[in-house]
């Protein structure tokens, strides 16, 4: 019996579980491909920006180079005039250093949110898909045994086929979960390295802005 034929003969819950696992697999692979691409470009751009910072002689030179190198437009928040931003709202009543720290922290938070997009969803898919597959297996076995009880035939071949088909759900759940969990861990390591490079850039920017004369 083919998979499509079995799915067509399955009850509503089994079909919903199968479609849910299929959708989760598609979403996870889309996220894996997208985030791998984004993090690769982000790591390259940040490395180039770090090299440009070391070679630049003025803030205008830094801003011009970073805008050209930042192909994913991640660093726009760091390129703002943090001395002016720090004086807005209640932050104006704090010390100059605290104002700069707050402004840079907000800029970094915006970058991190974009880089971490989809990580929670990958973790959720990796954690829940085995249990969804197990639900489909348990329900399929139960449904098959109920049908056999109604028919009144308990031979081994009558039991083995529906039980074996139901176990496909568990395998499908694991097939969805394993790539999602592996990608979550690998992409998480790359995120840690990128965020460390971002922190280094923010530290350099903080030192630069603190060295600027105070504005009235």
C-alpha atoms as a PDB file:
ATOM      1  CA  UNK A   1       0.000   0.000   0.000  1.00  0.00           C
ATOM      2  CA  UNK A   2       1.397   3.383  -0.969  1.00  0.00           C
ATOM      3  CA  UNK A   3       1.720   6.257   1.458  1.00  0.00           C
ATOM      4  CA  UNK A   4      -0.852   8.343  -0.396  1.00  0.00           C
ATOM      5  CA  UNK A   5      -3.327   5.478  -0.426  1.00  0.00           C
ATOM      6  CA  UNK A   6      -2.826   4.906   3.280  1.00  0.00           C
ATOM      7  CA  UNK A   7      -3.281   8.622   3.993  1.00  0.00           C
ATOM      8  CA  UNK A   8      -6.460   8.699   1.932  1.00  0.00           C
ATOM      9  CA  UNK A   9      -7.834   5.749   3.907  1.00  0.00           C
ATOM     10  CA  UNK A  10      -6.808   7.185   7.292  1.00  0.00           C
ATOM     11  CA  UNK A  11      -9.227   8.944   9.614  1.00  0.00           C
ATOM     12  CA  UNK A  12      -9.341  12.699  10.157  1.00  0.00           C
ATOM     13  CA  UNK A  13      -6.954  12.830  13.121  1.00  0.00           C
ATOM     14  CA  UNK A  14      -4.286  10.812  11.309  1.00  0.00           C
ATOM     15  CA  UNK A  15      -4.582  13.060   8.275  1.00  0.00           C
ATOM     16  CA  UNK A  16      -4.281  16.176  10.444  1.00  0.00           C
ATOM     17  CA  UNK A  17      -1.168  14.783  12.149  1.00  0.00           C
ATOM     18  CA  UNK A  18       0.417  13.902   8.800  1.00  0.00           C
ATOM     19  CA  UNK A  19      -0.327  17.333   7.344  1.00  0.00           C
ATOM     20  CA  UNK A  20       0.962  19.041  10.508  1.00  0.00           C
ATOM     21  CA  UNK A  21       4.253  17.146  10.308  1.00  0.00           C
ATOM     22  CA  UNK A  22       4.560  17.992   6.616  1.00  0.00           C
ATOM     23  CA  UNK A  23       3.961  21.692   7.305  1.00  0.00           C
ATOM     24  CA  UNK A  24       6.444  21.689  10.191  1.00  0.00           C
ATOM     25  CA  UNK A  25       9.071  20.067   7.995  1.00  0.00           C
ATOM     26  CA  UNK A  26       8.606  22.664   5.242  1.00  0.00           C
ATOM     27  CA  UNK A  27       8.746  25.554   7.723  1.00  0.00           C
ATOM     28  CA  UNK A  28      11.850  24.214   9.447  1.00  0.00           C
ATOM     29  CA  UNK A  29      13.758  23.710   6.190  1.00  0.00           C
ATOM     30  CA  UNK A  30      12.780  27.172   4.955  1.00  0.00           C
ATOM     31  CA  UNK A  31      14.101  28.625   8.228  1.00  0.00           C
ATOM     32  CA  UNK A  32      17.272  26.548   8.057  1.00  0.00           C
ATOM     33  CA  UNK A  33      18.096  27.710   4.540  1.00  0.00           C
ATOM     34  CA  UNK A  34      17.162  31.345   5.212  1.00  0.00           C
ATOM     35  CA  UNK A  35      19.027  31.628   8.506  1.00  0.00           C
ATOM     36  CA  UNK A  36      22.110  29.870   7.154  1.00  0.00           C
ATOM     37  CA  UNK A  37      22.195  32.383   4.315  1.00  0.00           C
ATOM     38  CA  UNK A  38      21.534  35.376   6.581  1.00  0.00           C
ATOM     39  CA  UNK A  39      24.109  34.433   9.222  1.00  0.00           C
ATOM     40  CA  UNK A  40      26.772  33.720   6.601  1.00  0.00           C
ATOM     41  CA  UNK A  41      26.306  37.162   5.069  1.00  0.00           C
ATOM     42  CA  UNK A  42      26.052  38.831   8.480  1.00  0.00           C
ATOM     43  CA  UNK A  43      29.301  37.263   9.663  1.00  0.00           C
ATOM     44  CA  UNK A  44      31.077  38.351   6.484  1.00  0.00           C
ATOM     45  CA  UNK A  45      29.692  41.897   6.639  1.00  0.00           C
ATOM     46  CA  UNK A  46      30.579  42.345  10.306  1.00  0.00           C
ATOM     47  CA  UNK A  47      34.113  41.088   9.716  1.00  0.00           C
ATOM     48  CA  UNK A  48      34.533  43.584   6.883  1.00  0.00           C
ATOM     49  CA  UNK A  49      33.126  46.369   9.050  1.00  0.00           C
ATOM     50  CA  UNK A  50      35.585  45.504  11.820  1.00  0.00           C
ATOM     51  CA  UNK A  51      38.450  45.752   9.335  1.00  0.00           C
ATOM     52  CA  UNK A  52      37.067  49.047   8.006  1.00  0.00           C
ATOM     53  CA  UNK A  53      36.838  50.463  11.536  1.00  0.00           C
ATOM     54  CA  UNK A  54      40.529  49.790  12.121  1.00  0.00           C
ATOM     55  CA  UNK A  55      41.459  51.594   8.891  1.00  0.00           C
ATOM     56  CA  UNK A  56      39.081  54.567   9.025  1.00  0.00           C
ATOM     57  CA  UNK A  57      40.222  58.033  10.034  1.00  0.00           C
ATOM     58  CA  UNK A  58      36.879  59.779  10.679  1.00  0.00           C
ATOM     59  CA  UNK A  59      33.303  58.999  11.615  1.00  0.00           C
ATOM     60  CA  UNK A  60      32.034  60.015   8.173  1.00  0.00           C
ATOM     61  CA  UNK A  61      34.504  57.557   6.644  1.00  0.00           C
ATOM     62  CA  UNK A  62      33.277  54.808   8.980  1.00  0.00           C
ATOM     63  CA  UNK A  63      29.610  55.492   8.211  1.00  0.00           C
ATOM     64  CA  UNK A  64      30.215  55.558   4.465  1.00  0.00           C
ATOM     65  CA  UNK A  65      32.167  52.297   4.467  1.00  0.00           C
ATOM     66  CA  UNK A  66      29.770  50.483   6.773  1.00  0.00           C
ATOM     67  CA  UNK A  67      26.741  51.403   4.699  1.00  0.00           C
ATOM     68  CA  UNK A  68      28.494  49.996   1.633  1.00  0.00           C
ATOM     69  CA  UNK A  69      29.623  46.816   3.411  1.00  0.00           C
ATOM     70  CA  UNK A  70      26.407  46.150   5.341  1.00  0.00           C
ATOM     71  CA  UNK A  71      24.546  44.300   2.583  1.00  0.00           C
ATOM     72  CA  UNK A  72      21.805  43.053   4.945  1.00  0.00           C
ATOM     73  CA  UNK A  73      21.262  46.479   6.564  1.00  0.00           C
ATOM     74  CA  UNK A  74      21.893  45.111  10.046  1.00  0.00           C
ATOM     75  CA  UNK A  75      24.136  47.828  11.419  1.00  0.00           C
ATOM     76  CA  UNK A  76      21.976  50.877  10.748  1.00  0.00           C
ATOM     77  CA  UNK A  77      21.207  51.254  14.436  1.00  0.00           C
ATOM     78  CA  UNK A  78      24.893  51.424  15.316  1.00  0.00           C
ATOM     79  CA  UNK A  79      25.546  54.143  12.741  1.00  0.00           C
ATOM     80  CA  UNK A  80      23.263  56.691  14.359  1.00  0.00           C
ATOM     81  CA  UNK A  81      24.495  59.700  16.313  1.00  0.00           C
ATOM     82  CA  UNK A  82      24.300  58.173  19.772  1.00  0.00           C
ATOM     83  CA  UNK A  83      25.181  61.421  21.491  1.00  0.00           C
ATOM     84  CA  UNK A  84      22.021  63.024  20.119  1.00  0.00           C
ATOM     85  CA  UNK A  85      19.875  59.943  20.682  1.00  0.00           C
ATOM     86  CA  UNK A  86      21.042  59.654  24.277  1.00  0.00           C
ATOM     87  CA  UNK A  87      19.597  63.066  25.146  1.00  0.00           C
ATOM     88  CA  UNK A  88      16.038  62.147  24.240  1.00  0.00           C
ATOM     89  CA  UNK A  89      13.372  61.521  26.877  1.00  0.00           C
ATOM     90  CA  UNK A  90      14.120  60.633  30.477  1.00  0.00           C
ATOM     91  CA  UNK A  91      17.580  59.346  29.461  1.00  0.00           C
ATOM     92  CA  UNK A  92      18.687  63.003  29.358  1.00  0.00           C
ATOM     93  CA  UNK A  93      18.689  63.026  33.176  1.00  0.00           C
ATOM     94  CA  UNK A  94      21.236  60.216  33.477  1.00  0.00           C
ATOM     95  CA  UNK A  95      24.990  60.404  33.069  1.00  0.00           C
ATOM     96  CA  UNK A  96      26.521  60.678  29.613  1.00  0.00           C
ATOM     97  CA  UNK A  97      28.077  57.239  29.868  1.00  0.00           C
ATOM     98  CA  UNK A  98      24.783  55.636  30.899  1.00  0.00           C
ATOM     99  CA  UNK A  99      23.016  57.383  28.040  1.00  0.00           C
ATOM    100  CA  UNK A 100      25.485  55.970  25.524  1.00  0.00           C
ATOM    101  CA  UNK A 101      25.256  52.502  27.047  1.00  0.00           C
ATOM    102  CA  UNK A 102      21.471  52.563  26.811  1.00  0.00           C
ATOM    103  CA  UNK A 103      21.476  53.818  23.216  1.00  0.00           C
ATOM    104  CA  UNK A 104      23.986  51.209  22.060  1.00  0.00           C
ATOM    105  CA  UNK A 105      22.177  48.469  23.970  1.00  0.00           C
ATOM    106  CA  UNK A 106      18.943  49.287  22.152  1.00  0.00           C
ATOM    107  CA  UNK A 107      20.725  49.222  18.799  1.00  0.00           C
ATOM    108  CA  UNK A 108      22.283  45.831  19.578  1.00  0.00           C
ATOM    109  CA  UNK A 109      18.944  44.464  20.731  1.00  0.00           C
ATOM    110  CA  UNK A 110      17.369  45.322  17.394  1.00  0.00           C
ATOM    111  CA  UNK A 111      20.169  43.528  15.526  1.00  0.00           C
ATOM    112  CA  UNK A 112      19.944  40.482  17.774  1.00  0.00           C
ATOM    113  CA  UNK A 113      16.200  40.215  17.292  1.00  0.00           C
ATOM    114  CA  UNK A 114      16.628  40.050  13.539  1.00  0.00           C
ATOM    115  CA  UNK A 115      19.480  37.537  13.721  1.00  0.00           C
ATOM    116  CA  UNK A 116      17.577  35.334  16.176  1.00  0.00           C
ATOM    117  CA  UNK A 117      14.396  35.343  14.116  1.00  0.00           C
ATOM    118  CA  UNK A 118      13.100  31.787  13.764  1.00  0.00           C
ATOM    119  CA  UNK A 119      15.275  30.248  16.476  1.00  0.00           C
ATOM    120  CA  UNK A 120      12.338  29.802  18.848  1.00  0.00           C
ATOM    121  CA  UNK A 121      10.264  28.248  16.086  1.00  0.00           C
ATOM    122  CA  UNK A 122      13.035  25.770  15.240  1.00  0.00           C
ATOM    123  CA  UNK A 123      13.287  24.817  18.901  1.00  0.00           C
ATOM    124  CA  UNK A 124       9.516  24.381  19.131  1.00  0.00           C
ATOM    125  CA  UNK A 125       9.403  22.182  16.028  1.00  0.00           C
ATOM    126  CA  UNK A 126      12.300  20.078  17.261  1.00  0.00           C
ATOM    127  CA  UNK A 127      10.689  19.599  20.673  1.00  0.00           C
ATOM    128  CA  UNK A 128       7.088  18.911  19.622  1.00  0.00           C
ATOM    129  CA  UNK A 129       7.237  17.017  16.318  1.00  0.00           C
ATOM    130  CA  UNK A 130       8.270  13.645  17.889  1.00  0.00           C
ATOM    131  CA  UNK A 131       5.269  13.814  20.209  1.00  0.00           C
ATOM    132  CA  UNK A 132       2.949  14.754  17.360  1.00  0.00           C
ATOM    133  CA  UNK A 133       4.241  11.770  15.410  1.00  0.00           C
ATOM    134  CA  UNK A 134       3.799   9.554  18.466  1.00  0.00           C
ATOM    135  CA  UNK A 135       0.220  10.781  18.813  1.00  0.00           C
ATOM    136  CA  UNK A 136      -0.431   9.740  15.215  1.00  0.00           C
ATOM    137  CA  UNK A 137       1.116   6.329  15.886  1.00  0.00           C
ATOM    138  CA  UNK A 138      -0.870   5.669  19.055  1.00  0.00           C
ATOM    139  CA  UNK A 139      -4.095   6.793  17.454  1.00  0.00           C
ATOM    140  CA  UNK A 140      -3.415   4.773  14.312  1.00  0.00           C
ATOM    141  CA  UNK A 141      -2.742   1.610  16.306  1.00  0.00           C
ATOM    142  CA  UNK A 142      -5.836   2.142  18.411  1.00  0.00           C
ATOM    143  CA  UNK A 143      -7.945   2.792  15.328  1.00  0.00           C
ATOM    144  CA  UNK A 144      -6.549  -0.308  13.600  1.00  0.00           C
ATOM    145  CA  UNK A 145      -7.195  -2.565  16.605  1.00  0.00           C
ATOM    146  CA  UNK A 146     -10.758  -1.286  16.926  1.00  0.00           C
ATOM    147  CA  UNK A 147     -11.377  -2.092  13.268  1.00  0.00           C
ATOM    148  CA  UNK A 148      -9.882  -5.566  13.690  1.00  0.00           C
ATOM    149  CA  UNK A 149     -12.056  -6.180  16.727  1.00  0.00           C
ATOM    150  CA  UNK A 150     -15.131  -5.288  14.716  1.00  0.00           C
ATOM    151  CA  UNK A 151     -14.076  -7.603  11.893  1.00  0.00           C
ATOM    152  CA  UNK A 152     -13.148 -10.369  14.322  1.00  0.00           C
ATOM    153  CA  UNK A 153      -9.917 -11.396  12.555  1.00  0.00           C
ATOM    154  CA  UNK A 154      -6.726 -11.409  14.646  1.00  0.00           C
ATOM    155  CA  UNK A 155      -4.176 -13.092  12.399  1.00  0.00           C
ATOM    156  CA  UNK A 156      -0.620 -11.759  12.435  1.00  0.00           C
ATOM    157  CA  UNK A 157      -0.782 -10.312   8.922  1.00  0.00           C
ATOM    158  CA  UNK A 158      -4.002  -8.469   9.769  1.00  0.00           C
ATOM    159  CA  UNK A 159      -2.375  -6.834  12.790  1.00  0.00           C
ATOM    160  CA  UNK A 160       1.130  -6.234  11.423  1.00  0.00           C
ATOM    161  CA  UNK A 161       0.104  -4.131   8.426  1.00  0.00           C
ATOM    162  CA  UNK A 162      -1.920  -1.398  10.205  1.00  0.00           C
ATOM    163  CA  UNK A 163       0.511  -1.293  13.138  1.00  0.00           C
ATOM    164  CA  UNK A 164       3.488  -0.966  10.788  1.00  0.00           C
ATOM    165  CA  UNK A 165       1.765   1.788   8.861  1.00  0.00           C
ATOM    166  CA  UNK A 166       1.007   3.641  12.086  1.00  0.00           C
ATOM    167  CA  UNK A 167       4.668   3.492  13.130  1.00  0.00           C
ATOM    168  CA  UNK A 168       5.469   5.620  10.071  1.00  0.00           C
ATOM    169  CA  UNK A 169       4.093   8.586  12.011  1.00  0.00           C
ATOM    170  CA  UNK A 170       6.757   8.186  14.690  1.00  0.00           C
ATOM    171  CA  UNK A 171       9.484   7.983  12.057  1.00  0.00           C
ATOM    172  CA  UNK A 172       8.065  11.071  10.362  1.00  0.00           C
ATOM    173  CA  UNK A 173       8.076  12.975  13.648  1.00  0.00           C
ATOM    174  CA  UNK A 174      11.729  12.091  14.213  1.00  0.00           C
ATOM    175  CA  UNK A 175      12.513  13.001  10.621  1.00  0.00           C
ATOM    176  CA  UNK A 176      11.129  16.471  11.250  1.00  0.00           C
ATOM    177  CA  UNK A 177      12.706  16.902  14.683  1.00  0.00           C
ATOM    178  CA  UNK A 178      16.292  15.817  14.034  1.00  0.00           C
ATOM    179  CA  UNK A 179      17.132  18.418  11.337  1.00  0.00           C
ATOM    180  CA  UNK A 180      15.385  21.157  13.339  1.00  0.00           C
ATOM    181  CA  UNK A 181      17.313  20.375  16.537  1.00  0.00           C
ATOM    182  CA  UNK A 182      20.657  20.055  14.746  1.00  0.00           C
ATOM    183  CA  UNK A 183      20.077  23.324  12.886  1.00  0.00           C
ATOM    184  CA  UNK A 184      19.035  25.075  16.101  1.00  0.00           C
ATOM    185  CA  UNK A 185      22.284  24.066  17.810  1.00  0.00           C
ATOM    186  CA  UNK A 186      24.558  24.819  14.846  1.00  0.00           C
ATOM    187  CA  UNK A 187      22.928  28.151  14.087  1.00  0.00           C
ATOM    188  CA  UNK A 188      23.002  28.996  17.792  1.00  0.00           C
ATOM    189  CA  UNK A 189      26.782  28.580  17.831  1.00  0.00           C
ATOM    190  CA  UNK A 190      27.109  30.857  14.826  1.00  0.00           C
ATOM    191  CA  UNK A 191      24.861  33.389  16.523  1.00  0.00           C
ATOM    192  CA  UNK A 192      27.099  33.403  19.606  1.00  0.00           C
ATOM    193  CA  UNK A 193      30.154  34.169  17.444  1.00  0.00           C
ATOM    194  CA  UNK A 194      28.338  36.927  15.545  1.00  0.00           C
ATOM    195  CA  UNK A 195      26.998  38.502  18.722  1.00  0.00           C
ATOM    196  CA  UNK A 196      30.508  38.521  20.201  1.00  0.00           C
ATOM    197  CA  UNK A 197      31.726  40.413  17.137  1.00  0.00           C
ATOM    198  CA  UNK A 198      28.795  42.837  17.485  1.00  0.00           C
ATOM    199  CA  UNK A 199      29.655  43.422  21.142  1.00  0.00           C
ATOM    200  CA  UNK A 200      33.225  44.213  20.128  1.00  0.00           C
ATOM    201  CA  UNK A 201      31.979  46.744  17.575  1.00  0.00           C
ATOM    202  CA  UNK A 202      29.656  48.308  20.130  1.00  0.00           C
ATOM    203  CA  UNK A 203      32.522  48.575  22.625  1.00  0.00           C
ATOM    204  CA  UNK A 204      34.651  50.407  20.052  1.00  0.00           C
ATOM    205  CA  UNK A 205      31.754  52.724  19.231  1.00  0.00           C
ATOM    206  CA  UNK A 206      31.181  53.420  22.910  1.00  0.00           C
ATOM    207  CA  UNK A 207      34.827  54.342  23.398  1.00  0.00           C
ATOM    208  CA  UNK A 208      34.692  56.615  20.341  1.00  0.00           C
ATOM    209  CA  UNK A 209      31.545  58.463  21.431  1.00  0.00           C
ATOM    210  CA  UNK A 210      32.802  58.867  24.995  1.00  0.00           C
ATOM    211  CA  UNK A 211      35.953  60.483  23.611  1.00  0.00           C
ATOM    212  CA  UNK A 212      33.895  63.096  21.770  1.00  0.00           C
ATOM    213  CA  UNK A 213      33.482  66.455  23.517  1.00  0.00           C
ATOM    214  CA  UNK A 214      30.265  66.909  25.435  1.00  0.00           C
ATOM    215  CA  UNK A 215      27.584  68.807  23.523  1.00  0.00           C
ATOM    216  CA  UNK A 216      25.687  71.634  25.267  1.00  0.00           C
END
